Amino acid sequence: MAEQKKRLISKGRYVDGVKCEKLLWYKMNDRSVFPPTDAATQLLFDQGHEVGALAKKLYKDAIEIEWDRDAGKVTEKSAEALKTGKTLFEAGFASDGTYSIADILDPVKGKKGTYDLTEVKMAGHPKDYYYDDIAFQKFNYEKNGIKINNCYLKIVNTAYVYEGGEIDVKKFFQPDIDVNDEVENRQAEVKRNVKKFHEMIAKSTPPKVKLSENCTDDEHKCPLVDECWKVVPKGSTLTLYRKHWDQRFDLFNKQGKKLILDIPKHELNNDKHEIMHDALRTKEPVINKEEIKSFVKGLNYPLYFLDFETFMNVAVPKFKNSKPYQMLPFQFSLHIQEEEGGKAKPHMFLAPDDKDPRPEILAGLKKLLGDEGDILAFNAHSTEKRIIRETCEAFPEYKKWFAKIEPRIKDLKAPFSGFDYYHHEQEGSASLKDVYPAMTGKSYKDLKISEGGDASAKFIKVTYGKVSEKERAEVRSALEEYCEQDTRAMVEILEKLQKI
């Protein structure tokens, strides 16, 4: 390959390659395999830009390099800006097949031509691939003759409490994290990887890679997951409940035990895995009738089936007395069942505008939840209870009310996370989206919104973005249908448990 014809590998593509060479090949050669950017992914992009803009407020008299699709033009503008000796935002440099744009290049006093490199991330804690990102940048800049003195990581302070008005950027970010050791230790690896990646992307077919832990990153779902995981059969060892991913992939890849039934039951050494084995072998639910009956008998009527939809992946707080990434509710669905076997009456709240919805939510719930009866939610203790508690902390006048209702909150997920009921169609999951179809044969697949991250992103889009009234009305209708489906599903699940 001629040097001048090397295709540019950017820092984003480099990180892709470190995670999965197959992903990098497709990103560089055939993007048609990727699904369109969904609302949740777009929200992440938007939040990243918003956090980056806040970071720039920490620097005075800086120059921002205007983005251009042509990396050569960006390089020329950046090289010219270097001559000013000022802090640079979005300075990009390309040469010899690599290209990267720095969030912040800050000149070091007394060291001409030397800069500190700061990478801004919207997360609240460091992640290993951040070091790969920054290491690649240092490699690229120094190859372009820019001496990097120190490397820093700037991330969000999730303990920051927004007090209204302008965001206090000094409090919003954590103190810069020195990542020099991690970055320096990766320099030789970056050089090897860049050479290897250029050779790989020049080939006419993608590399063959094994499924690995990199496929399971929930925060940044690989766009190839659905395609690559078609080879995973039902009842796979990759579904073993809460088994460490490295152990699952060892079974699946190295030991060749792709099915749970490939493992003798006595070798599983885990009660829940043995239950999964039994359910797959018999194709019948495994039920602990005594525990199920005890759970059902312990419920106190009236029952309140509650579910929230919340702002997800929102780094920059919108409302006073809230924090980055806090689960703030904008919607709830509530079904109230006065007696066993009785009809469950639905209630709904969806924030009508861009104002803080929490006061209306608390007032509505206080009125609807009454003074007696159990409040049921799926994953109640880590989600619904936490949401109500944190919301009441922001509005202290409701603290006494929360203290009264807290003992009434019970988790409908308990029989499933405890494997007192397990159906092989759950595929090792105790989530509502997997339990409901396994028990009832129904599903969420026909809903326009069928997942919490999508619900959050679309609510944000139609509430805070510029959209048509038609789109806004359609999304709000879909949100109501989705949230109501969650609590109706809980009602139906309990009815199934009561018949055991």
Protein backbone atom coordinates (compact mmCIF):
# COMPACT_ATOMS: atom_id res chain seq x y z
CA MET A 1 0.00 0.00 0.00
CA ALA A 2 1.44 3.35 -1.00
CA GLU A 3 1.90 5.66 1.99
CA GLN A 4 -0.05 8.54 0.45
CA LYS A 5 -3.02 6.27 -0.19
CA LYS A 6 -3.45 5.12 3.38
CA ARG A 7 -7.01 5.66 4.55
CA LEU A 8 -7.38 7.79 7.63
CA ILE A 9 -8.10 6.00 10.86
CA SER A 10 -9.64 8.45 13.32
CA LYS A 11 -9.59 8.13 17.09
CA GLY A 12 -13.18 6.83 17.05
CA ARG A 13 -12.36 4.19 14.45
CA TYR A 14 -9.21 3.27 16.37
CA VAL A 15 -11.25 2.58 19.51
CA ASP A 16 -13.68 0.54 17.38
CA GLY A 17 -10.76 -1.55 16.20
CA VAL A 18 -9.46 -2.14 19.70
CA LYS A 19 -12.90 -3.37 20.71
CA CYS A 20 -13.59 -5.39 17.58
CA GLU A 21 -11.66 -5.52 14.30
CA LYS A 22 -14.76 -6.68 12.47
CA LEU A 23 -16.59 -3.54 13.59
CA LEU A 24 -13.73 -1.37 12.31
CA TRP A 25 -13.71 -3.15 8.94
CA TYR A 26 -17.41 -2.50 8.42
CA LYS A 27 -17.14 1.11 9.60
CA MET A 28 -14.43 1.68 6.99
CA ASN A 29 -15.76 -0.46 4.15
CA ASP A 30 -19.48 -1.14 4.32
CA ARG A 31 -21.67 1.02 6.54
CA SER A 32 -24.82 -0.27 4.85
CA VAL A 33 -24.99 -3.07 7.42
CA PHE A 34 -25.59 -0.62 10.25
CA PRO A 35 -29.11 0.36 11.30
CA PRO A 36 -30.09 4.04 11.20
CA THR A 37 -29.16 6.10 14.23
CA ASP A 38 -32.00 5.71 16.74
CA ALA A 39 -33.30 8.35 19.13
CA ALA A 40 -31.39 6.99 22.13
CA THR A 41 -28.07 7.00 20.26
CA GLN A 42 -28.70 10.49 18.93
CA LEU A 43 -29.38 11.65 22.49
CA LEU A 44 -25.94 10.38 23.52
CA PHE A 45 -24.35 12.34 20.68
CA ASP A 46 -26.27 15.47 21.66
CA GLN A 47 -25.34 15.12 25.31
CA GLY A 48 -21.69 14.68 24.37
CA HIS A 49 -21.76 17.95 22.42
CA GLU A 50 -23.47 19.73 25.31
CA VAL A 51 -20.89 18.52 27.83
CA GLY A 52 -18.09 19.50 25.47
CA ALA A 53 -19.50 23.01 25.14
CA LEU A 54 -19.57 23.37 28.93
CA ALA A 55 -15.93 22.30 29.20
CA LYS A 56 -14.90 25.06 26.80
CA LYS A 57 -16.28 27.66 29.22
CA LEU A 58 -13.41 26.82 31.57
CA TYR A 59 -10.90 28.36 29.18
CA LYS A 60 -10.50 32.00 28.18
CA ASP A 61 -9.26 33.46 24.91
CA ALA A 62 -9.23 30.10 23.12
CA ILE A 63 -9.58 29.36 19.41
CA GLU A 64 -12.08 26.80 18.15
CA ILE A 65 -11.24 25.14 14.85
CA GLU A 66 -14.23 24.91 12.54
CA TRP A 67 -15.03 21.36 11.54
CA ASP A 68 -14.70 20.35 7.92
CA ARG A 69 -15.28 17.03 6.22
CA ASP A 70 -11.88 17.47 4.58
CA ALA A 71 -9.27 16.40 7.16
CA GLY A 72 -6.59 18.19 5.17
CA LYS A 73 -8.34 21.53 5.54
CA VAL A 74 -8.79 20.97 9.30
CA THR A 75 -5.10 20.15 9.58
CA GLU A 76 -4.17 23.37 7.76
CA LYS A 77 -6.43 25.51 9.97
CA SER A 78 -5.12 23.81 13.12
CA ALA A 79 -1.47 24.24 12.13
CA GLU A 80 -2.07 27.93 11.54
CA ALA A 81 -3.86 28.28 14.91
CA LEU A 82 -0.91 26.66 16.70
CA LYS A 83 1.18 29.71 15.81
CA THR A 84 -0.98 31.90 18.07
CA GLY A 85 0.14 30.11 21.22
CA LYS A 86 -3.45 30.01 22.46
CA THR A 87 -5.58 27.18 23.78
CA LEU A 88 -7.19 25.28 20.90
CA PHE A 89 -10.54 23.51 20.76
CA GLU A 90 -11.18 20.79 18.15
CA ALA A 91 -7.72 21.07 16.59
CA GLY A 92 -7.28 18.20 14.15
CA PHE A 93 -4.19 16.75 12.52
CA ALA A 94 -3.89 14.08 9.85
CA SER A 95 -0.87 12.35 8.40
CA ASP A 96 0.33 8.91 7.39
CA GLY A 97 -3.10 7.30 7.75
CA THR A 98 -4.14 8.64 11.17
CA TYR A 99 -6.35 11.54 12.14
CA SER A 100 -7.60 12.90 15.43
CA ILE A 101 -9.32 15.99 16.73
CA ALA A 102 -8.41 17.10 20.25
CA ASP A 103 -11.08 18.40 22.59
CA ILE A 104 -8.55 20.73 24.21
CA LEU A 105 -4.90 21.48 23.44
CA ASP A 106 -3.54 23.84 26.07
CA PRO A 107 -0.06 25.36 25.56
CA VAL A 108 2.43 24.75 28.38
CA LYS A 109 3.98 27.97 29.65
CA GLY A 110 7.70 28.16 29.08
CA LYS A 111 7.72 25.18 26.70
CA LYS A 112 7.19 26.40 23.17
CA GLY A 113 5.44 23.90 20.92
CA THR A 114 4.41 21.77 23.90
CA TYR A 115 0.79 21.18 24.88
CA ASP A 116 -1.32 19.51 27.52
CA LEU A 117 -4.01 17.31 26.00
CA THR A 118 -7.41 17.12 27.69
CA GLU A 119 -10.11 14.71 26.57
CA VAL A 120 -13.65 15.54 27.68
CA LYS A 121 -16.07 12.66 28.27
CA MET A 122 -19.69 12.82 29.35
CA ALA A 123 -19.36 9.87 31.73
CA GLY A 124 -19.13 10.05 35.51
CA HIS A 125 -16.22 7.62 35.88
CA PRO A 126 -13.19 6.60 33.77
CA LYS A 127 -13.45 3.69 31.35
CA ASP A 128 -10.62 1.65 29.97
CA TYR A 129 -11.23 2.53 26.34
CA TYR A 130 -10.83 6.24 27.19
CA TYR A 131 -7.12 5.52 27.66
CA ASP A 132 -6.97 3.91 24.20
CA ASP A 133 -8.64 7.02 22.78
CA ILE A 134 -6.18 9.43 24.41
CA ALA A 135 -3.16 7.20 23.68
CA PHE A 136 -4.05 7.24 19.98
CA GLN A 137 -4.36 11.02 20.06
CA LYS A 138 -0.95 11.47 21.64
CA PHE A 139 0.58 9.10 19.09
CA ASN A 140 -1.00 11.05 16.24
CA TYR A 141 -0.15 14.54 17.50
CA GLU A 142 3.47 13.74 18.26
CA LYS A 143 3.75 12.16 14.81
CA ASN A 144 2.68 15.59 13.53
CA GLY A 145 5.42 17.31 15.52
CA ILE A 146 3.23 18.46 18.43
CA LYS A 147 4.86 17.62 21.73
CA ILE A 148 2.36 16.42 24.35
CA ASN A 149 3.40 17.26 27.90
CA ASN A 150 0.55 15.84 30.03
CA CYS A 151 -2.65 14.00 29.23
CA TYR A 152 -5.80 14.60 31.22
CA LEU A 153 -9.31 13.22 31.32
CA LYS A 154 -12.16 15.56 32.19
CA ILE A 155 -15.40 13.83 33.29
CA VAL A 156 -18.70 14.77 34.90
CA ASN A 157 -19.16 15.16 38.64
CA THR A 158 -22.31 13.12 39.25
CA ALA A 159 -22.57 14.53 42.80
CA TYR A 160 -23.04 18.08 41.47
CA VAL A 161 -26.42 19.52 42.48
CA TYR A 162 -27.79 22.01 39.97
CA GLU A 163 -29.12 25.08 41.77
CA GLY A 164 -30.83 26.73 38.81
CA GLY A 165 -29.65 29.36 36.36
CA GLU A 166 -26.32 28.81 34.60
CA ILE A 167 -24.52 25.52 35.12
CA ASP A 168 -21.54 26.02 37.47
CA VAL A 169 -18.97 24.47 35.15
CA LYS A 170 -16.26 24.28 37.82
CA LYS A 171 -18.51 22.14 40.00
CA PHE A 172 -20.05 20.25 37.08
CA PHE A 173 -16.73 18.61 36.20
CA GLN A 174 -14.50 16.54 38.44
CA PRO A 175 -10.89 17.68 38.87
CA ASP A 176 -8.92 16.65 35.78
CA ILE A 177 -7.60 13.10 36.01
CA ASP A 178 -3.93 12.57 35.18
CA VAL A 179 -3.80 9.64 32.72
CA ASN A 180 -0.14 9.93 31.69
CA ASP A 181 0.85 6.45 32.85
CA GLU A 182 -2.04 4.69 31.14
CA VAL A 183 -1.45 6.64 27.92
CA GLU A 184 2.31 6.17 27.87
CA ASN A 185 2.02 2.44 28.53
CA ARG A 186 -0.15 2.11 25.40
CA GLN A 187 2.09 3.94 22.92
CA ALA A 188 3.87 0.85 21.54
CA GLU A 189 0.52 -0.92 21.29
CA VAL A 190 -0.99 2.00 19.36
CA LYS A 191 1.83 1.86 16.83
CA ARG A 192 1.34 -1.90 16.32
CA ASN A 193 -2.44 -1.59 16.12
CA VAL A 194 -2.37 1.22 13.56
CA LYS A 195 -0.19 -0.90 11.25
CA LYS A 196 -2.38 -3.95 11.79
CA PHE A 197 -5.63 -2.04 11.27
CA HIS A 198 -4.45 -0.53 8.00
CA GLU A 199 -3.58 -3.97 6.69
CA MET A 200 -6.92 -5.36 7.86
CA ILE A 201 -9.20 -2.67 6.39
CA ALA A 202 -7.44 -3.01 3.02
CA LYS A 203 -8.71 -6.57 2.68
CA SER A 204 -11.81 -7.35 0.65
CA THR A 205 -13.57 -9.32 3.40
CA PRO A 206 -14.05 -8.66 7.11
CA PRO A 207 -11.98 -10.54 9.67
CA LYS A 208 -13.50 -13.43 11.54
CA VAL A 209 -13.83 -12.66 15.23
CA LYS A 210 -15.25 -14.59 18.14
CA LEU A 211 -18.01 -13.23 20.32
CA SER A 212 -16.54 -11.62 23.42
CA GLU A 213 -17.21 -9.34 26.38
CA ASN A 214 -16.85 -6.38 24.04
CA CYS A 215 -20.18 -7.41 22.53
CA THR A 216 -21.92 -6.90 25.87
CA ASP A 217 -21.28 -3.20 26.44
CA ASP A 218 -24.77 -2.00 27.37
CA GLU A 219 -23.78 1.66 27.33
CA HIS A 220 -22.52 1.62 23.75
CA LYS A 221 -24.28 -1.27 22.06
CA CYS A 222 -22.30 -2.48 19.09
CA PRO A 223 -24.34 -1.95 15.91
CA LEU A 224 -23.27 -5.40 14.71
CA VAL A 225 -24.56 -7.27 17.77
CA ASP A 226 -27.88 -8.33 16.28
CA GLU A 227 -26.14 -9.62 13.16
CA CYS A 228 -23.21 -11.33 14.88
CA TRP A 229 -25.32 -12.97 17.55
CA LYS A 230 -27.53 -14.77 15.06
CA VAL A 231 -25.18 -17.70 15.59
CA VAL A 232 -26.17 -17.90 19.26
CA PRO A 233 -28.82 -20.62 19.72
CA LYS A 234 -31.69 -20.61 22.18
CA GLY A 235 -30.65 -22.02 25.53
CA SER A 236 -27.06 -20.86 25.02
CA THR A 237 -24.48 -20.90 27.79
CA LEU A 238 -24.21 -17.15 27.16
CA THR A 239 -27.58 -16.80 28.92
CA LEU A 240 -26.46 -18.36 32.22
CA TYR A 241 -27.93 -16.08 34.86
CA ARG A 242 -25.39 -13.65 36.35
CA LYS A 243 -22.42 -15.84 35.46
CA HIS A 244 -19.36 -13.69 34.73
CA TRP A 245 -19.15 -12.91 31.02
CA ASP A 246 -15.58 -14.16 30.75
CA GLN A 247 -16.74 -17.54 32.09
CA ARG A 248 -19.68 -17.65 29.68
CA PHE A 249 -17.46 -16.92 26.68
CA ASP A 250 -14.95 -19.48 27.88
CA LEU A 251 -17.71 -22.10 27.80
CA PHE A 252 -19.06 -20.92 24.46
CA ASN A 253 -15.80 -20.31 22.57
CA LYS A 254 -12.99 -22.33 24.14
CA GLN A 255 -14.83 -25.32 25.58
CA GLY A 256 -17.31 -25.53 22.72
CA LYS A 257 -20.22 -25.87 25.13
CA LYS A 258 -22.65 -23.60 23.32
CA LEU A 259 -25.79 -24.97 24.97
CA ILE A 260 -26.63 -25.20 28.66
CA LEU A 261 -27.74 -28.75 27.96
CA ASP A 262 -24.20 -29.52 26.74
CA ILE A 263 -23.17 -29.31 30.40
CA PRO A 264 -24.13 -32.13 32.78
CA LYS A 265 -26.45 -30.70 35.41
CA HIS A 266 -24.22 -31.75 38.33
CA GLU A 267 -21.34 -29.69 36.87
CA LEU A 268 -23.26 -26.42 37.00
CA ASN A 269 -22.82 -25.96 40.77
CA ASN A 270 -25.44 -23.21 40.89
CA ASP A 271 -29.07 -23.65 41.93
CA LYS A 272 -30.39 -21.15 39.39
CA HIS A 273 -28.34 -22.61 36.55
CA GLU A 274 -29.67 -26.06 37.47
CA ILE A 275 -33.21 -24.67 37.26
CA MET A 276 -32.41 -23.29 33.79
CA HIS A 277 -31.11 -26.73 32.83
CA ASP A 278 -34.31 -28.41 34.04
CA ALA A 279 -36.55 -25.91 32.23
CA LEU A 280 -34.68 -26.42 28.95
CA ARG A 281 -34.72 -30.19 29.29
CA THR A 282 -38.44 -30.48 30.07
CA LYS A 283 -39.65 -27.40 28.14
CA GLU A 284 -41.88 -26.75 31.15
CA PRO A 285 -41.75 -23.92 33.71
CA VAL A 286 -39.91 -24.74 36.91
CA ILE A 287 -42.11 -23.52 39.77
CA ASN A 288 -41.57 -23.36 43.52
CA LYS A 289 -45.25 -23.43 44.42
CA GLU A 290 -44.72 -22.93 48.14
CA GLU A 291 -42.71 -19.72 47.62
CA ILE A 292 -45.10 -18.41 44.97
CA LYS A 293 -48.11 -18.96 47.21
CA SER A 294 -46.31 -17.31 50.11
CA PHE A 295 -45.54 -14.25 47.96
CA VAL A 296 -49.12 -13.96 46.70
CA LYS A 297 -50.61 -14.51 50.16
CA GLY A 298 -48.38 -11.77 51.59
CA LEU A 299 -49.86 -9.05 49.35
CA ASN A 300 -52.17 -6.48 50.89
CA TYR A 301 -55.05 -4.96 48.91
CA PRO A 302 -55.70 -2.60 47.30
CA LEU A 303 -52.73 -3.17 45.01
CA TYR A 304 -51.03 -0.35 43.14
CA PHE A 305 -49.03 -1.43 40.08
CA LEU A 306 -46.55 1.39 39.41
CA ASP A 307 -44.06 2.12 36.64
CA PHE A 308 -42.01 5.23 35.82
CA GLU A 309 -40.38 6.47 32.66
CA THR A 310 -37.36 8.60 33.42
CA PHE A 311 -34.80 10.86 31.81
CA MET A 312 -31.95 8.51 30.87
CA ASN A 313 -28.37 9.36 29.88
CA VAL A 314 -28.94 13.03 30.62
CA ALA A 315 -25.59 14.43 31.72
CA VAL A 316 -26.55 18.10 32.03
CA PRO A 317 -29.28 18.67 34.67
CA LYS A 318 -32.40 20.46 33.46
CA PHE A 319 -34.13 21.15 36.77
CA LYS A 320 -33.19 22.80 40.04
CA ASN A 321 -32.13 20.35 42.77
CA SER A 322 -31.20 17.60 40.35
CA LYS A 323 -27.91 15.90 39.44
CA PRO A 324 -26.21 14.63 36.30
CA TYR A 325 -27.59 11.24 35.26
CA GLN A 326 -30.19 11.23 38.02
CA MET A 327 -33.25 9.14 37.18
CA LEU A 328 -35.84 11.90 37.06
CA PRO A 329 -39.39 10.78 36.25
CA PHE A 330 -41.41 12.43 33.52
CA GLN A 331 -44.18 9.84 33.35
CA PHE A 332 -45.91 7.23 35.43
CA SER A 333 -48.52 4.59 34.84
CA LEU A 334 -50.55 3.20 37.73
CA HIS A 335 -53.11 0.38 37.80
CA ILE A 336 -55.15 0.12 40.99
CA GLN A 337 -56.79 -3.20 41.89
CA GLU A 338 -59.13 -2.97 44.88
CA GLU A 339 -59.48 -6.72 45.46
CA GLU A 340 -58.13 -10.02 44.16
CA GLY A 341 -59.69 -10.81 40.80
CA GLY A 342 -61.09 -7.31 40.51
CA LYS A 343 -60.60 -5.09 37.47
CA ALA A 344 -57.48 -2.94 37.63
CA LYS A 345 -58.23 0.71 36.96
CA PRO A 346 -55.55 2.59 34.96
CA HIS A 347 -54.17 6.05 35.78
CA MET A 348 -51.58 7.95 33.78
CA PHE A 349 -49.41 11.04 34.01
CA LEU A 350 -47.17 12.35 31.22
CA ALA A 351 -45.39 15.67 31.67
CA PRO A 352 -47.27 18.19 29.51
CA ASP A 353 -44.40 20.60 28.83
CA ASP A 354 -40.73 21.34 29.47
CA LYS A 355 -41.19 22.37 33.11
CA ASP A 356 -39.99 20.23 36.02
CA PRO A 357 -42.57 17.40 36.20
CA ARG A 358 -41.63 16.19 39.68
CA PRO A 359 -44.03 18.37 41.73
CA GLU A 360 -47.01 17.18 39.68
CA ILE A 361 -45.86 13.58 39.86
CA LEU A 362 -45.50 13.67 43.65
CA ALA A 363 -48.84 15.40 44.12
CA GLY A 364 -50.55 12.92 41.81
CA LEU A 365 -49.04 9.86 43.47
CA LYS A 366 -49.79 11.12 46.96
CA LYS A 367 -53.43 11.43 45.98
CA LEU A 368 -53.66 8.10 44.13
CA LEU A 369 -51.63 5.79 46.39
CA GLY A 370 -53.85 6.26 49.42
CA ASP A 371 -52.94 5.13 52.92
CA GLU A 372 -53.02 1.34 52.68
CA GLY A 373 -52.29 -1.48 50.28
CA ASP A 374 -49.08 -2.65 48.62
CA ILE A 375 -47.33 -0.74 45.86
CA LEU A 376 -45.96 -3.21 43.31
CA ALA A 377 -43.25 -2.50 40.78
CA PHE A 378 -40.82 -4.60 38.77
CA ASN A 379 -37.31 -4.14 40.17
CA ALA A 380 -38.93 -1.88 42.74
CA HIS A 381 -36.07 -1.40 45.20
CA SER A 382 -33.46 -0.18 42.70
CA THR A 383 -35.86 1.74 40.47
CA GLU A 384 -39.28 2.90 41.66
CA LYS A 385 -38.38 3.18 45.34
CA ARG A 386 -35.16 4.99 44.51
CA ILE A 387 -36.94 7.39 42.14
CA ILE A 388 -39.58 8.31 44.71
CA ARG A 389 -37.01 8.69 47.50
CA GLU A 390 -34.70 10.93 45.46
CA THR A 391 -37.62 12.99 44.18
CA CYS A 392 -38.85 13.52 47.73
CA GLU A 393 -35.35 14.60 48.79
CA ALA A 394 -35.57 17.37 46.21
CA PHE A 395 -38.98 18.35 47.59
CA PRO A 396 -38.62 17.86 51.37
CA GLU A 397 -42.29 18.53 52.08
CA TYR A 398 -42.92 14.99 50.80
CA LYS A 399 -40.33 13.22 52.98
CA LYS A 400 -42.81 12.24 55.68
CA TRP A 401 -45.18 10.90 53.05
CA PHE A 402 -42.40 8.76 51.56
CA ALA A 403 -41.54 7.38 55.00
CA LYS A 404 -45.14 6.18 55.25
CA ILE A 405 -45.34 4.55 51.84
CA GLU A 406 -41.84 3.07 51.71
CA PRO A 407 -42.74 -0.09 53.70
CA ARG A 408 -45.64 -0.66 51.30
CA ILE A 409 -43.40 -0.92 48.21
CA LYS A 410 -42.86 -4.53 47.14
CA ASP A 411 -41.01 -6.04 44.21
CA LEU A 412 -43.03 -8.13 41.76
CA LYS A 413 -39.73 -9.20 40.23
CA ALA A 414 -38.80 -11.14 43.39
CA PRO A 415 -40.35 -14.50 42.37
CA PHE A 416 -38.46 -14.34 39.07
CA SER A 417 -35.07 -13.06 40.22
CA GLY A 418 -35.29 -15.73 42.92
CA PHE A 419 -36.11 -18.34 40.25
CA ASP A 420 -39.25 -19.43 42.10
CA TYR A 421 -40.75 -19.23 38.64
CA TYR A 422 -38.61 -19.83 35.56
CA HIS A 423 -39.62 -20.48 31.96
CA HIS A 424 -36.96 -21.43 29.43
CA GLU A 425 -38.19 -18.68 27.09
CA GLN A 426 -36.89 -16.12 29.62
CA GLU A 427 -33.38 -16.97 28.36
CA GLY A 428 -31.77 -16.37 31.75
CA SER A 429 -33.47 -13.01 32.29
CA ALA A 430 -35.83 -11.88 35.04
CA SER A 431 -36.73 -8.61 33.33
CA LEU A 432 -40.34 -7.64 32.71
CA LYS A 433 -39.79 -7.66 28.93
CA ASP A 434 -38.75 -11.33 29.10
CA VAL A 435 -40.99 -12.62 31.88
CA TYR A 436 -44.20 -11.20 30.39
CA PRO A 437 -44.06 -12.98 27.01
CA ALA A 438 -42.79 -16.20 28.60
CA MET A 439 -45.77 -16.31 30.97
CA THR A 440 -48.52 -14.91 28.75
CA GLY A 441 -47.44 -15.38 25.14
CA LYS A 442 -47.85 -11.61 24.63
CA SER A 443 -45.11 -9.08 23.93
CA TYR A 444 -44.18 -5.46 23.28
CA LYS A 445 -43.17 -5.98 19.65
CA ASP A 446 -46.16 -4.19 18.12
CA LEU A 447 -45.68 -1.01 20.17
CA LYS A 448 -44.14 2.05 18.49
CA ILE A 449 -42.02 2.53 21.62
CA SER A 450 -40.96 -0.67 23.37
CA GLU A 451 -37.89 0.20 25.44
CA GLY A 452 -37.10 2.68 28.22
CA GLY A 453 -34.09 4.33 26.57
CA ASP A 454 -36.09 4.96 23.43
CA ALA A 455 -38.98 6.35 25.50
CA SER A 456 -36.68 8.80 27.27
CA ALA A 457 -34.93 9.94 24.11
CA LYS A 458 -38.15 10.50 22.20
CA PHE A 459 -39.77 12.38 25.08
CA ILE A 460 -36.75 14.68 25.24
CA LYS A 461 -36.82 15.18 21.48
CA VAL A 462 -40.50 16.19 21.25
CA THR A 463 -40.46 18.20 24.50
CA TYR A 464 -37.21 20.14 24.17
CA GLY A 465 -36.52 19.95 20.45
CA LYS A 466 -38.09 21.48 17.39
CA VAL A 467 -40.61 19.02 15.95
CA SER A 468 -43.99 19.22 14.28
CA GLU A 469 -47.15 19.06 16.35
CA LYS A 470 -48.02 15.85 14.51
CA GLU A 471 -44.77 14.15 15.58
CA ARG A 472 -45.18 15.44 19.12
CA ALA A 473 -48.72 14.06 19.37
CA GLU A 474 -47.69 10.70 17.89
CA VAL A 475 -44.78 10.28 20.30
CA ARG A 476 -46.84 11.26 23.33
CA SER A 477 -49.53 8.75 22.34
CA ALA A 478 -46.88 6.04 21.92
CA LEU A 479 -45.38 6.92 25.33
CA GLU A 480 -48.74 6.55 27.04
CA GLU A 481 -49.32 3.20 25.34
CA TYR A 482 -45.87 1.92 26.29
CA CYS A 483 -45.90 2.95 29.95
CA GLU A 484 -49.47 1.70 30.43
CA GLN A 485 -48.40 -1.62 28.91
CA ASP A 486 -45.80 -2.07 31.67
CA THR A 487 -48.29 -1.82 34.52
CA ARG A 488 -50.92 -3.84 32.65
CA ALA A 489 -48.28 -6.53 32.11
CA MET A 490 -47.63 -6.60 35.86
CA VAL A 491 -51.35 -7.08 36.53
CA GLU A 492 -51.42 -10.04 34.12
CA ILE A 493 -48.25 -11.56 35.58
CA LEU A 494 -49.69 -11.47 39.08
CA GLU A 495 -52.89 -13.08 37.83
CA LYS A 496 -50.77 -15.95 36.44
CA LEU A 497 -48.95 -16.31 39.76
CA GLN A 498 -52.25 -16.38 41.65
CA LYS A 499 -53.41 -19.37 39.59
CA ILE A 500 -50.39 -21.48 40.55
